[in-house]
C-alpha atoms as a PDB file:
ATOM      1  CA  UNK A   1     121.320 -39.119 -87.652  1.00  0.00           C
ATOM      2  CA  UNK A   2     121.416 -35.562 -85.969  1.00  0.00           C
ATOM      3  CA  UNK A   3     118.190 -33.754 -85.321  1.00  0.00           C
ATOM      4  CA  UNK A   4     117.961 -30.729 -87.424  1.00  0.00           C
ATOM      5  CA  UNK A   5     117.144 -27.016 -86.839  1.00  0.00           C
ATOM      6  CA  UNK A   6     116.779 -24.103 -88.933  1.00  0.00           C
ATOM      7  CA  UNK A   7     116.852 -20.563 -87.862  1.00  0.00           C
ATOM      8  CA  UNK A   8     115.590 -17.867 -90.150  1.00  0.00           C
ATOM      9  CA  UNK A   9     116.121 -14.215 -89.541  1.00  0.00           C
ATOM     10  CA  UNK A  10     113.223 -12.709 -91.577  1.00  0.00           C
ATOM     11  CA  UNK A  11     114.111  -9.028 -91.211  1.00  0.00           C
ATOM     12  CA  UNK A  12     112.600  -6.654 -91.664  1.00  0.00           C
ATOM     13  CA  UNK A  13     114.981  -4.352 -93.743  1.00  0.00           C
ATOM     14  CA  UNK A  14     117.367  -1.808 -91.976  1.00  0.00           C
ATOM     15  CA  UNK A  15     117.709  -4.183 -88.730  1.00  0.00           C
ATOM     16  CA  UNK A  16     121.272  -5.144 -89.221  1.00  0.00           C
ATOM     17  CA  UNK A  17     120.578  -8.072 -91.612  1.00  0.00           C
ATOM     18  CA  UNK A  18     123.558  -7.007 -93.852  1.00  0.00           C
ATOM     19  CA  UNK A  19     125.933  -6.873 -90.984  1.00  0.00           C
ATOM     20  CA  UNK A  20     124.812 -10.299 -89.932  1.00  0.00           C
ATOM     21  CA  UNK A  21     125.050 -11.762 -93.469  1.00  0.00           C
ATOM     22  CA  UNK A  22     128.454 -10.354 -93.789  1.00  0.00           C
ATOM     23  CA  UNK A  23     129.835 -11.856 -90.302  1.00  0.00           C
ATOM     24  CA  UNK A  24     128.090 -15.095 -91.140  1.00  0.00           C
ATOM     25  CA  UNK A  25     129.284 -15.539 -94.668  1.00  0.00           C
ATOM     26  CA  UNK A  26     132.951 -14.448 -93.680  1.00  0.00           C
ATOM     27  CA  UNK A  27     132.815 -16.865 -90.630  1.00  0.00           C
ATOM     28  CA  UNK A  28     131.585 -19.903 -92.532  1.00  0.00           C
ATOM     29  CA  UNK A  29     134.417 -19.307 -95.092  1.00  0.00           C
ATOM     30  CA  UNK A  30     136.919 -18.952 -92.323  1.00  0.00           C
ATOM     31  CA  UNK A  31     135.813 -21.999 -90.735  1.00  0.00           C
ATOM     32  CA  UNK A  32     135.123 -20.460 -87.272  1.00  0.00           C
ATOM     33  CA  UNK A  33     131.446 -21.265 -87.000  1.00  0.00           C
ATOM     34  CA  UNK A  34     130.749 -23.941 -84.552  1.00  0.00           C
ATOM     35  CA  UNK A  35     130.690 -27.424 -86.419  1.00  0.00           C
ATOM     36  CA  UNK A  36     127.032 -28.180 -85.866  1.00  0.00           C
ATOM     37  CA  UNK A  37     126.081 -24.739 -87.443  1.00  0.00           C
ATOM     38  CA  UNK A  38     126.063 -24.083 -91.155  1.00  0.00           C
ATOM     39  CA  UNK A  39     125.313 -20.909 -92.771  1.00  0.00           C
ATOM     40  CA  UNK A  40     124.592 -21.870 -96.473  1.00  0.00           C
ATOM     41  CA  UNK A  41     127.099 -20.048 -98.963  1.00  0.00           C
ATOM     42  CA  UNK A  42     129.098 -21.013-102.074  1.00  0.00           C
ATOM     43  CA  UNK A  43     127.977 -24.857-103.091  1.00  0.00           C
ATOM     44  CA  UNK A  44     125.067 -24.979-100.578  1.00  0.00           C
ATOM     45  CA  UNK A  45     123.412 -21.869-101.914  1.00  0.00           C
ATOM     46  CA  UNK A  46     123.205 -19.871-105.092  1.00  0.00           C
ATOM     47  CA  UNK A  47     125.943 -17.538-106.080  1.00  0.00           C
ATOM     48  CA  UNK A  48     126.116 -14.239-104.375  1.00  0.00           C
ATOM     49  CA  UNK A  49     126.695 -10.754-105.910  1.00  0.00           C
ATOM     50  CA  UNK A  50     129.564  -9.970-103.782  1.00  0.00           C
ATOM     51  CA  UNK A  51     131.191 -11.084-100.406  1.00  0.00           C
ATOM     52  CA  UNK A  52     127.958 -11.288 -98.453  1.00  0.00           C
ATOM     53  CA  UNK A  53     125.636 -13.917 -98.966  1.00  0.00           C
ATOM     54  CA  UNK A  54     122.010 -13.452 -97.853  1.00  0.00           C
ATOM     55  CA  UNK A  55     119.165 -15.829 -98.804  1.00  0.00           C
ATOM     56  CA  UNK A  56     116.528 -13.614-100.334  1.00  0.00           C
ATOM     57  CA  UNK A  57     116.151 -16.385-102.876  1.00  0.00           C
ATOM     58  CA  UNK A  58     113.969 -17.788-100.374  1.00  0.00           C
ATOM     59  CA  UNK A  59     111.305 -15.464-101.349  1.00  0.00           C
ATOM     60  CA  UNK A  60     111.320 -16.855-104.927  1.00  0.00           C
ATOM     61  CA  UNK A  61     109.772 -19.943-103.326  1.00  0.00           C
ATOM     62  CA  UNK A  62     106.769 -17.797-102.660  1.00  0.00           C
ATOM     63  CA  UNK A  63     105.885 -17.580-106.348  1.00  0.00           C
ATOM     64  CA  UNK A  64     104.978 -21.140-107.728  1.00  0.00           C
ATOM     65  CA  UNK A  65     104.322 -19.559-111.248  1.00  0.00           C
ATOM     66  CA  UNK A  66     107.494 -17.770-111.249  1.00  0.00           C
ATOM     67  CA  UNK A  67     108.170 -14.028-110.647  1.00  0.00           C
ATOM     68  CA  UNK A  68     108.968 -11.053-112.834  1.00  0.00           C
ATOM     69  CA  UNK A  69     112.665  -9.761-112.938  1.00  0.00           C
ATOM     70  CA  UNK A  70     113.586  -7.764-109.715  1.00  0.00           C
ATOM     71  CA  UNK A  71     115.843  -4.817-109.327  1.00  0.00           C
ATOM     72  CA  UNK A  72     118.474  -7.001-107.396  1.00  0.00           C
ATOM     73  CA  UNK A  73     121.823  -8.223-108.283  1.00  0.00           C
ATOM     74  CA  UNK A  74     121.294 -11.947-107.963  1.00  0.00           C
ATOM     75  CA  UNK A  75     119.049 -14.082-110.702  1.00  0.00           C
ATOM     76  CA  UNK A  76     115.361 -15.198-109.913  1.00  0.00           C
ATOM     77  CA  UNK A  77     115.504 -18.808-108.890  1.00  0.00           C
ATOM     78  CA  UNK A  78     112.564 -21.152-109.474  1.00  0.00           C
ATOM     79  CA  UNK A  79     110.583 -22.477-106.417  1.00  0.00           C
ATOM     80  CA  UNK A  80     112.068 -26.125-107.299  1.00  0.00           C
ATOM     81  CA  UNK A  81     115.594 -24.963-107.183  1.00  0.00           C
ATOM     82  CA  UNK A  82     115.057 -23.074-103.996  1.00  0.00           C
ATOM     83  CA  UNK A  83     113.091 -26.204-102.369  1.00  0.00           C
ATOM     84  CA  UNK A  84     116.179 -28.388-103.468  1.00  0.00           C
ATOM     85  CA  UNK A  85     118.871 -26.214-101.931  1.00  0.00           C
ATOM     86  CA  UNK A  86     116.771 -26.028 -98.736  1.00  0.00           C
ATOM     87  CA  UNK A  87     116.416 -29.744 -98.549  1.00  0.00           C
ATOM     88  CA  UNK A  88     120.177 -30.473 -99.450  1.00  0.00           C
ATOM     89  CA  UNK A  89     121.107 -28.164 -96.465  1.00  0.00           C
ATOM     90  CA  UNK A  90     118.744 -30.193 -94.211  1.00  0.00           C
ATOM     91  CA  UNK A  91     120.110 -33.384 -95.359  1.00  0.00           C
ATOM     92  CA  UNK A  92     123.881 -32.148 -95.039  1.00  0.00           C
ATOM     93  CA  UNK A  93     122.960 -31.291 -91.137  1.00  0.00           C
ATOM     94  CA  UNK A  94     121.411 -34.796 -90.511  1.00  0.00           C
ATOM     95  CA  UNK A  95     124.594 -36.405 -91.495  1.00  0.00           C
ATOM     96  CA  UNK A  96     126.554 -34.526 -88.724  1.00  0.00           C
ATOM     97  CA  UNK A  97     128.287 -36.103 -85.815  1.00  0.00           C
ATOM     98  CA  UNK A  98     126.608 -34.130 -83.310  1.00  0.00           C
ATOM     99  CA  UNK A  99     123.091 -34.643 -81.536  1.00  0.00           C
ATOM    100  CA  UNK A 100     121.744 -31.452 -83.437  1.00  0.00           C
ATOM    101  CA  UNK A 101     122.731 -29.531 -86.415  1.00  0.00           C
ATOM    102  CA  UNK A 102     121.548 -25.790 -86.990  1.00  0.00           C
ATOM    103  CA  UNK A 103     121.293 -24.116 -90.477  1.00  0.00           C
ATOM    104  CA  UNK A 104     121.031 -20.278 -90.353  1.00  0.00           C
ATOM    105  CA  UNK A 105     119.265 -18.307 -93.008  1.00  0.00           C
ATOM    106  CA  UNK A 106     119.012 -14.529 -93.433  1.00  0.00           C
ATOM    107  CA  UNK A 107     116.383 -13.020 -95.692  1.00  0.00           C
ATOM    108  CA  UNK A 108     114.827  -9.530 -94.903  1.00  0.00           C
ATOM    109  CA  UNK A 109     112.758 -10.172 -97.988  1.00  0.00           C
ATOM    110  CA  UNK A 110     110.097 -12.300 -96.415  1.00  0.00           C
ATOM    111  CA  UNK A 111     108.313 -10.734 -93.347  1.00  0.00           C
ATOM    112  CA  UNK A 112     104.878  -9.268 -94.425  1.00  0.00           C
ATOM    113  CA  UNK A 113     104.224 -11.356 -97.341  1.00  0.00           C
ATOM    114  CA  UNK A 114     100.849 -12.666 -97.432  1.00  0.00           C
ATOM    115  CA  UNK A 115     102.042 -16.509 -98.527  1.00  0.00           C
ATOM    116  CA  UNK A 116     104.931 -16.893 -96.059  1.00  0.00           C
ATOM    117  CA  UNK A 117     103.241 -20.004 -94.735  1.00  0.00           C
ATOM    118  CA  UNK A 118     104.256 -21.621 -98.044  1.00  0.00           C
ATOM    119  CA  UNK A 119     107.971 -21.356 -97.212  1.00  0.00           C
ATOM    120  CA  UNK A 120     107.173 -22.311 -93.713  1.00  0.00           C
ATOM    121  CA  UNK A 121     105.718 -25.462 -94.851  1.00  0.00           C
ATOM    122  CA  UNK A 122     108.885 -26.302 -96.748  1.00  0.00           C
ATOM    123  CA  UNK A 123     111.002 -25.550 -93.755  1.00  0.00           C
ATOM    124  CA  UNK A 124     108.643 -27.604 -91.630  1.00  0.00           C
ATOM    125  CA  UNK A 125     108.961 -30.869 -94.087  1.00  0.00           C
ATOM    126  CA  UNK A 126     112.778 -30.380 -94.213  1.00  0.00           C
ATOM    127  CA  UNK A 127     113.916 -29.647 -90.574  1.00  0.00           C
ATOM    128  CA  UNK A 128     112.779 -31.196 -87.349  1.00  0.00           C
ATOM    129  CA  UNK A 129     112.550 -27.686 -85.754  1.00  0.00           C
ATOM    130  CA  UNK A 130     111.724 -24.191 -87.155  1.00  0.00           C
ATOM    131  CA  UNK A 131     112.721 -20.927 -85.297  1.00  0.00           C
ATOM    132  CA  UNK A 132     111.920 -17.460 -87.026  1.00  0.00           C
ATOM    133  CA  UNK A 133     113.874 -14.314 -85.704  1.00  0.00           C
ATOM    134  CA  UNK A 134     112.149 -10.933 -86.001  1.00  0.00           C
ATOM    135  CA  UNK A 135     114.379  -7.755 -85.170  1.00  0.00           C
ATOM    136  CA  UNK A 136     112.362  -4.915 -83.651  1.00  0.00           C
ATOM    137  CA  UNK A 137     113.505  -1.332 -84.652  1.00  0.00           C
ATOM    138  CA  UNK A 138     111.949   1.914 -83.800  1.00  0.00           C
ATOM    139  CA  UNK A 139     109.612   2.592 -87.031  1.00  0.00           C
ATOM    140  CA  UNK A 140     110.788   6.121 -86.973  1.00  0.00           C
ATOM    141  CA  UNK A 141     114.506   5.184 -87.314  1.00  0.00           C
ATOM    142  CA  UNK A 142     113.698   2.160 -89.618  1.00  0.00           C
ATOM    143  CA  UNK A 143     111.686   3.967 -92.082  1.00  0.00           C
ATOM    144  CA  UNK A 144     114.018   7.012 -92.034  1.00  0.00           C
ATOM    145  CA  UNK A 145     116.723   4.419 -93.002  1.00  0.00           C
ATOM    146  CA  UNK A 146     114.512   3.058 -95.647  1.00  0.00           C
ATOM    147  CA  UNK A 147     113.748   6.577 -97.184  1.00  0.00           C
ATOM    148  CA  UNK A 148     117.590   7.268 -97.155  1.00  0.00           C
ATOM    149  CA  UNK A 149     118.206   3.896 -98.893  1.00  0.00           C
ATOM    150  CA  UNK A 150     115.824   4.891-101.621  1.00  0.00           C
ATOM    151  CA  UNK A 151     117.473   8.186-102.253  1.00  0.00           C
ATOM    152  CA  UNK A 152     121.016   6.507-102.342  1.00  0.00           C
ATOM    153  CA  UNK A 153     119.461   4.141-104.855  1.00  0.00           C
ATOM    154  CA  UNK A 154     119.654   5.433-108.612  1.00  0.00           C
ATOM    155  CA  UNK A 155     117.016   2.914-109.744  1.00  0.00           C
ATOM    156  CA  UNK A 156     114.703   4.495-107.277  1.00  0.00           C
ATOM    157  CA  UNK A 157     112.860   7.689-108.200  1.00  0.00           C
ATOM    158  CA  UNK A 158     112.280   8.547-104.671  1.00  0.00           C
ATOM    159  CA  UNK A 159     113.617  12.257-104.489  1.00  0.00           C
ATOM    160  CA  UNK A 160     111.788  13.693-101.170  1.00  0.00           C
ATOM    161  CA  UNK A 161     112.370  13.620 -97.605  1.00  0.00           C
ATOM    162  CA  UNK A 162     108.652  13.357 -96.535  1.00  0.00           C
ATOM    163  CA  UNK A 163     108.824  10.209 -94.167  1.00  0.00           C
ATOM    164  CA  UNK A 164     105.205  10.742 -92.899  1.00  0.00           C
ATOM    165  CA  UNK A 165     103.936  10.771 -96.673  1.00  0.00           C
ATOM    166  CA  UNK A 166     106.093   7.538 -97.265  1.00  0.00           C
ATOM    167  CA  UNK A 167     104.318   5.721 -94.483  1.00  0.00           C
ATOM    168  CA  UNK A 168     100.791   6.963 -94.873  1.00  0.00           C
ATOM    169  CA  UNK A 169      99.309   5.046 -97.721  1.00  0.00           C
ATOM    170  CA  UNK A 170      96.266   6.127 -99.725  1.00  0.00           C
ATOM    171  CA  UNK A 171      94.287   2.895 -98.473  1.00  0.00           C
ATOM    172  CA  UNK A 172      94.780   3.643 -94.947  1.00  0.00           C
ATOM    173  CA  UNK A 173      97.507   1.208 -94.175  1.00  0.00           C
ATOM    174  CA  UNK A 174     100.855   2.156 -93.060  1.00  0.00           C
ATOM    175  CA  UNK A 175     104.207   0.975 -94.200  1.00  0.00           C
ATOM    176  CA  UNK A 176     106.586  -0.798 -92.017  1.00  0.00           C
ATOM    177  CA  UNK A 177     103.800  -2.099 -89.882  1.00  0.00           C
ATOM    178  CA  UNK A 178     105.298  -3.941 -86.961  1.00  0.00           C
ATOM    179  CA  UNK A 179     101.912  -4.876 -85.602  1.00  0.00           C
ATOM    180  CA  UNK A 180     101.239  -6.606 -88.704  1.00  0.00           C
ATOM    181  CA  UNK A 181     104.548  -8.540 -88.626  1.00  0.00           C
ATOM    182  CA  UNK A 182     104.123  -9.760 -84.993  1.00  0.00           C
ATOM    183  CA  UNK A 183     100.384 -10.909 -85.860  1.00  0.00           C
ATOM    184  CA  UNK A 184     101.939 -12.866 -89.095  1.00  0.00           C
ATOM    185  CA  UNK A 185     104.410 -14.553 -86.924  1.00  0.00           C
ATOM    186  CA  UNK A 186     102.154 -15.573 -84.214  1.00  0.00           C
ATOM    187  CA  UNK A 187      99.805 -17.356 -86.760  1.00  0.00           C
ATOM    188  CA  UNK A 188     102.452 -19.194 -88.551  1.00  0.00           C
ATOM    189  CA  UNK A 189     102.732 -22.944 -87.825  1.00  0.00           C
ATOM    190  CA  UNK A 190     106.440 -22.812 -86.343  1.00  0.00           C
ATOM    191  CA  UNK A 191     107.928 -24.059 -83.252  1.00  0.00           C
ATOM    192  CA  UNK A 192     108.711 -20.692 -81.966  1.00  0.00           C
ATOM    193  CA  UNK A 193     109.599 -17.038 -82.887  1.00  0.00           C
ATOM    194  CA  UNK A 194     112.090 -14.904 -81.226  1.00  0.00           C
ATOM    195  CA  UNK A 195     111.972 -11.059 -81.091  1.00  0.00           C
ATOM    196  CA  UNK A 196     115.440  -9.267 -80.726  1.00  0.00           C
ATOM    197  CA  UNK A 197     115.769  -5.365 -80.281  1.00  0.00           C
ATOM    198  CA  UNK A 198     117.652  -3.269 -82.561  1.00  0.00           C
ATOM    199  CA  UNK A 199     119.513  -0.254 -80.931  1.00  0.00           C
ATOM    200  CA  UNK A 200     120.485   3.027 -82.760  1.00  0.00           C
ATOM    201  CA  UNK A 201     124.073   4.270 -82.674  1.00  0.00           C
ATOM    202  CA  UNK A 202     125.674   1.219 -81.139  1.00  0.00           C
ATOM    203  CA  UNK A 203     129.577   1.719 -81.377  1.00  0.00           C
ATOM    204  CA  UNK A 204     130.331  -1.879 -81.711  1.00  0.00           C
ATOM    205  CA  UNK A 205     129.683  -3.641 -85.051  1.00  0.00           C
ATOM    206  CA  UNK A 206     129.434  -6.834 -83.383  1.00  0.00           C
ATOM    207  CA  UNK A 207     126.499  -5.883 -81.163  1.00  0.00           C
ATOM    208  CA  UNK A 208     123.608  -6.939 -83.580  1.00  0.00           C
ATOM    209  CA  UNK A 209     125.576 -10.111 -84.687  1.00  0.00           C
ATOM    210  CA  UNK A 210     126.056 -11.064 -81.051  1.00  0.00           C
ATOM    211  CA  UNK A 211     122.452 -10.520 -80.148  1.00  0.00           C
ATOM    212  CA  UNK A 212     121.510 -13.009 -83.151  1.00  0.00           C
ATOM    213  CA  UNK A 213     124.354 -15.463 -82.394  1.00  0.00           C
ATOM    214  CA  UNK A 214     123.187 -16.024 -78.869  1.00  0.00           C
ATOM    215  CA  UNK A 215     119.776 -17.329 -80.356  1.00  0.00           C
ATOM    216  CA  UNK A 216     122.071 -19.711 -82.536  1.00  0.00           C
ATOM    217  CA  UNK A 217     124.424 -20.858 -80.093  1.00  0.00           C
ATOM    218  CA  UNK A 218     124.017 -19.127 -76.681  1.00  0.00           C
ATOM    219  CA  UNK A 219     127.119 -17.330 -76.887  1.00  0.00           C
ATOM    220  CA  UNK A 220     128.661 -14.245 -78.480  1.00  0.00           C
ATOM    221  CA  UNK A 221     130.283 -14.384 -81.967  1.00  0.00           C
ATOM    222  CA  UNK A 222     133.678 -15.517 -82.428  1.00  0.00           C
ATOM    223  CA  UNK A 223     135.714 -12.328 -83.832  1.00  0.00           C
ATOM    224  CA  UNK A 224     137.016 -12.024 -87.099  1.00  0.00           C
ATOM    225  CA  UNK A 225     140.660 -11.286 -87.880  1.00  0.00           C
ATOM    226  CA  UNK A 226     139.759  -7.895 -89.400  1.00  0.00           C
ATOM    227  CA  UNK A 227     138.086  -4.559 -88.685  1.00  0.00           C
ATOM    228  CA  UNK A 228     134.534  -5.719 -88.854  1.00  0.00           C
ATOM    229  CA  UNK A 229     133.687  -4.427 -85.376  1.00  0.00           C
ATOM    230  CA  UNK A 230     134.551  -0.826 -86.097  1.00  0.00           C
ATOM    231  CA  UNK A 231     132.787  -0.107 -89.547  1.00  0.00           C
ATOM    232  CA  UNK A 232     129.570   0.089 -90.947  1.00  0.00           C
ATOM    233  CA  UNK A 233     128.258  -2.126 -93.795  1.00  0.00           C
ATOM    234  CA  UNK A 234     125.778   0.428 -95.108  1.00  0.00           C
ATOM    235  CA  UNK A 235     126.678   3.824 -93.639  1.00  0.00           C
ATOM    236  CA  UNK A 236     124.475   6.725 -93.619  1.00  0.00           C
ATOM    237  CA  UNK A 237     125.112  10.022 -95.343  1.00  0.00           C
ATOM    238  CA  UNK A 238     125.330  13.536 -94.173  1.00  0.00           C
ATOM    239  CA  UNK A 239     122.084  15.490 -95.051  1.00  0.00           C
ATOM    240  CA  UNK A 240     123.866  17.821 -97.417  1.00  0.00           C
ATOM    241  CA  UNK A 241     125.049  14.595 -99.491  1.00  0.00           C
ATOM    242  CA  UNK A 242     121.500  13.183 -99.525  1.00  0.00           C
ATOM    243  CA  UNK A 243     120.286  16.583-100.954  1.00  0.00           C
ATOM    244  CA  UNK A 244     122.796  16.533-103.645  1.00  0.00           C
ATOM    245  CA  UNK A 245     121.752  12.893-104.619  1.00  0.00           C
ATOM    246  CA  UNK A 246     118.087  13.874-104.503  1.00  0.00           C
ATOM    247  CA  UNK A 247     118.760  16.894-106.655  1.00  0.00           C
ATOM    248  CA  UNK A 248     120.651  14.683-109.251  1.00  0.00           C
ATOM    249  CA  UNK A 249     117.811  12.194-109.413  1.00  0.00           C
ATOM    250  CA  UNK A 250     115.295  15.061-110.089  1.00  0.00           C
ATOM    251  CA  UNK A 251     117.418  15.874-113.084  1.00  0.00           C
ATOM    252  CA  UNK A 252     117.420  12.279-114.230  1.00  0.00           C
ATOM    253  CA  UNK A 253     113.574  12.290-114.059  1.00  0.00           C
ATOM    254  CA  UNK A 254     113.493  15.625-116.067  1.00  0.00           C
ATOM    255  CA  UNK A 255     116.035  14.737-118.646  1.00  0.00           C
ATOM    256  CA  UNK A 256     115.158  10.943-119.008  1.00  0.00           C
ATOM    257  CA  UNK A 257     114.865  11.190-122.751  1.00  0.00           C
ATOM    258  CA  UNK A 258     118.131  12.482-123.487  1.00  0.00           C
ATOM    259  CA  UNK A 259     120.834   9.540-122.953  1.00  0.00           C
ATOM    260  CA  UNK A 260     123.959  11.354-123.013  1.00  0.00           C
ATOM    261  CA  UNK A 261     122.863  13.944-120.205  1.00  0.00           C
ATOM    262  CA  UNK A 262     121.572  10.952-118.160  1.00  0.00           C
ATOM    263  CA  UNK A 263     124.958   9.336-118.409  1.00  0.00           C
ATOM    264  CA  UNK A 264     126.682  12.446-116.901  1.00  0.00           C
ATOM    265  CA  UNK A 265     123.985  12.956-114.143  1.00  0.00           C
ATOM    266  CA  UNK A 266     124.448   9.056-113.247  1.00  0.00           C
ATOM    267  CA  UNK A 267     128.386   9.548-113.268  1.00  0.00           C
ATOM    268  CA  UNK A 268     128.036  12.728-110.910  1.00  0.00           C
ATOM    269  CA  UNK A 269     125.560  10.525-108.620  1.00  0.00           C
ATOM    270  CA  UNK A 270     128.038   7.842-108.363  1.00  0.00           C
ATOM    271  CA  UNK A 271     131.177   9.972-107.601  1.00  0.00           C
ATOM    272  CA  UNK A 272     129.380  11.789-104.756  1.00  0.00           C
ATOM    273  CA  UNK A 273     127.841   8.683-103.411  1.00  0.00           C
ATOM    274  CA  UNK A 274     131.218   6.922-103.347  1.00  0.00           C
ATOM    275  CA  UNK A 275     133.217   9.678-101.950  1.00  0.00           C
ATOM    276  CA  UNK A 276     130.729  10.769 -99.067  1.00  0.00           C
ATOM    277  CA  UNK A 277     130.348   6.963 -98.282  1.00  0.00           C
ATOM    278  CA  UNK A 278     133.990   6.527 -97.940  1.00  0.00           C
ATOM    279  CA  UNK A 279     134.344   9.465 -95.578  1.00  0.00           C
ATOM    280  CA  UNK A 280     131.446   8.312 -93.533  1.00  0.00           C
ATOM    281  CA  UNK A 281     133.245   4.654 -93.311  1.00  0.00           C
ATOM    282  CA  UNK A 282     136.451   5.907 -92.486  1.00  0.00           C
ATOM    283  CA  UNK A 283     134.946   8.066 -89.537  1.00  0.00           C
ATOM    284  CA  UNK A 284     133.536   4.873 -88.187  1.00  0.00           C
ATOM    285  CA  UNK A 285     130.678   4.704 -85.591  1.00  0.00           C
ATOM    286  CA  UNK A 286     129.559   7.864 -83.959  1.00  0.00           C
ATOM    287  CA  UNK A 287     126.490   9.175 -82.666  1.00  0.00           C
ATOM    288  CA  UNK A 288     124.345  10.853 -85.224  1.00  0.00           C
ATOM    289  CA  UNK A 289     123.135  14.595 -84.707  1.00  0.00           C
ATOM    290  CA  UNK A 290     122.225  17.512 -86.654  1.00  0.00           C
ATOM    291  CA  UNK A 291     125.227  19.360 -85.381  1.00  0.00           C
ATOM    292  CA  UNK A 292     127.444  16.615 -87.219  1.00  0.00           C
ATOM    293  CA  UNK A 293     125.406  17.204 -90.336  1.00  0.00           C
ATOM    294  CA  UNK A 294     122.974  14.269 -90.238  1.00  0.00           C
ATOM    295  CA  UNK A 295     119.368  14.166 -90.929  1.00  0.00           C
ATOM    296  CA  UNK A 296     117.802  14.247 -87.524  1.00  0.00           C
ATOM    297  CA  UNK A 297     114.058  14.331 -87.204  1.00  0.00           C
ATOM    298  CA  UNK A 298     112.475  17.150 -84.897  1.00  0.00           C
ATOM    299  CA  UNK A 299     110.464  15.932 -81.934  1.00  0.00           C
ATOM    300  CA  UNK A 300     107.255  17.147 -83.670  1.00  0.00           C
ATOM    301  CA  UNK A 301     108.152  15.117 -86.661  1.00  0.00           C
ATOM    302  CA  UNK A 302     109.008  11.958 -84.611  1.00  0.00           C
ATOM    303  CA  UNK A 303     105.669  12.240 -82.683  1.00  0.00           C
ATOM    304  CA  UNK A 304     103.701  12.660 -85.907  1.00  0.00           C
ATOM    305  CA  UNK A 305     105.343   9.433 -87.211  1.00  0.00           C
ATOM    306  CA  UNK A 306     105.001   7.501 -84.029  1.00  0.00           C
ATOM    307  CA  UNK A 307     101.203   8.626 -83.896  1.00  0.00           C
ATOM    308  CA  UNK A 308     100.753   6.348 -86.990  1.00  0.00           C
ATOM    309  CA  UNK A 309     101.413   3.208 -85.029  1.00  0.00           C
ATOM    310  CA  UNK A 310      98.749   3.682 -82.425  1.00  0.00           C
ATOM    311  CA  UNK A 311      99.358   1.505 -79.379  1.00  0.00           C
ATOM    312  CA  UNK A 312     102.328  -0.474 -80.772  1.00  0.00           C
ATOM    313  CA  UNK A 313     104.230  -0.226 -77.398  1.00  0.00           C
ATOM    314  CA  UNK A 314     101.567  -2.107 -75.620  1.00  0.00           C
ATOM    315  CA  UNK A 315     101.392  -4.835 -78.663  1.00  0.00           C
ATOM    316  CA  UNK A 316     105.152  -5.242 -78.322  1.00  0.00           C
ATOM    317  CA  UNK A 317     105.007  -5.788 -74.614  1.00  0.00           C
ATOM    318  CA  UNK A 318     102.437  -8.287 -74.919  1.00  0.00           C
ATOM    319  CA  UNK A 319     104.240 -10.295 -77.657  1.00  0.00           C
ATOM    320  CA  UNK A 320     107.499 -10.205 -75.535  1.00  0.00           C
ATOM    321  CA  UNK A 321     105.721 -11.040 -72.285  1.00  0.00           C
ATOM    322  CA  UNK A 322     107.977 -11.346 -69.232  1.00  0.00           C
ATOM    323  CA  UNK A 323     110.892 -10.473 -71.595  1.00  0.00           C
ATOM    324  CA  UNK A 324     109.676  -6.932 -71.869  1.00  0.00           C
ATOM    325  CA  UNK A 325     110.892  -6.501 -68.241  1.00  0.00           C
ATOM    326  CA  UNK A 326     114.517  -7.672 -69.020  1.00  0.00           C
ATOM    327  CA  UNK A 327     117.128  -4.848 -68.883  1.00  0.00           C
ATOM    328  CA  UNK A 328     117.830  -4.946 -72.609  1.00  0.00           C
ATOM    329  CA  UNK A 329     114.071  -4.460 -73.620  1.00  0.00           C
ATOM    330  CA  UNK A 330     113.308  -1.857 -70.921  1.00  0.00           C
ATOM    331  CA  UNK A 331     116.258   0.134 -72.322  1.00  0.00           C
ATOM    332  CA  UNK A 332     114.961  -0.295 -75.940  1.00  0.00           C
ATOM    333  CA  UNK A 333     111.602   0.881 -74.857  1.00  0.00           C
ATOM    334  CA  UNK A 334     112.896   3.947 -73.043  1.00  0.00           C
ATOM    335  CA  UNK A 335     115.153   5.252 -75.980  1.00  0.00           C
ATOM    336  CA  UNK A 336     112.484   4.707 -78.564  1.00  0.00           C
ATOM    337  CA  UNK A 337     109.681   6.302 -76.712  1.00  0.00           C
ATOM    338  CA  UNK A 338     107.394   3.357 -77.279  1.00  0.00           C
END
């Protein structure tokens, strides 16, 4: 029997997990992944809401008493059903012909949860080796992207552009706390964890996929027979478009007791979102700038947000050890200002 390894990308959000999920979903269906690698889709996992399979149901395992309905497109799963799927994947790998089989999971819904060790125990009992991967993105751009995501989401009531206010919580903690994420990984009973950098404005859609694939196979990803590398999965929108969406959501909140008005407002919201998103996707990859209409923070705003994170740069370098001196990480630290 083959030895089994699981590589789990734990996020966090806005670090390319959708691009990775899109590639691996398509590659698994196309049969171009190495024979000793499986990305659980279709019969090996729960039904997806579209063409992209991610494994956010893994978070359902962290709720032994069950969890409330979430605003997500896929059904909530019981802990037992999640455990069965995970163990079935491990058993499938163990029957492989090679010396080692690798299962790849992607779920940005895990990092930061206080009970993540419960899932790690399941993985340790199912696989011979457990590797967690955490992508490191500048907290400024990551949280800015998260705020934009909330503005584009009709079900969210977020309507302002106060990034600092979103991060600075009343209890003194901060959102998107990379130091807390690092501390959590370091304390988990796993074989190892790997940090990978996330760069802004990369012009190749395969860049984030290749970085992750090299952890899985040691090589870059085999290319798909489509335009995957030239398009964004979740494109940003011009500031003017975001302001229009925010204004419509304010109207939604104002007239929430008048159903027919809400229906009209929602239709306008969806139309603006679809038209502007399509325009951005047709334009492909480009460097974002205020001159091109994008929402770009001023140096003062950036410094204020970075100030929330204290000595994050030093903490990251310590966690990376000798890796921090490698060219890729040196470039990342230089471009992020950490």
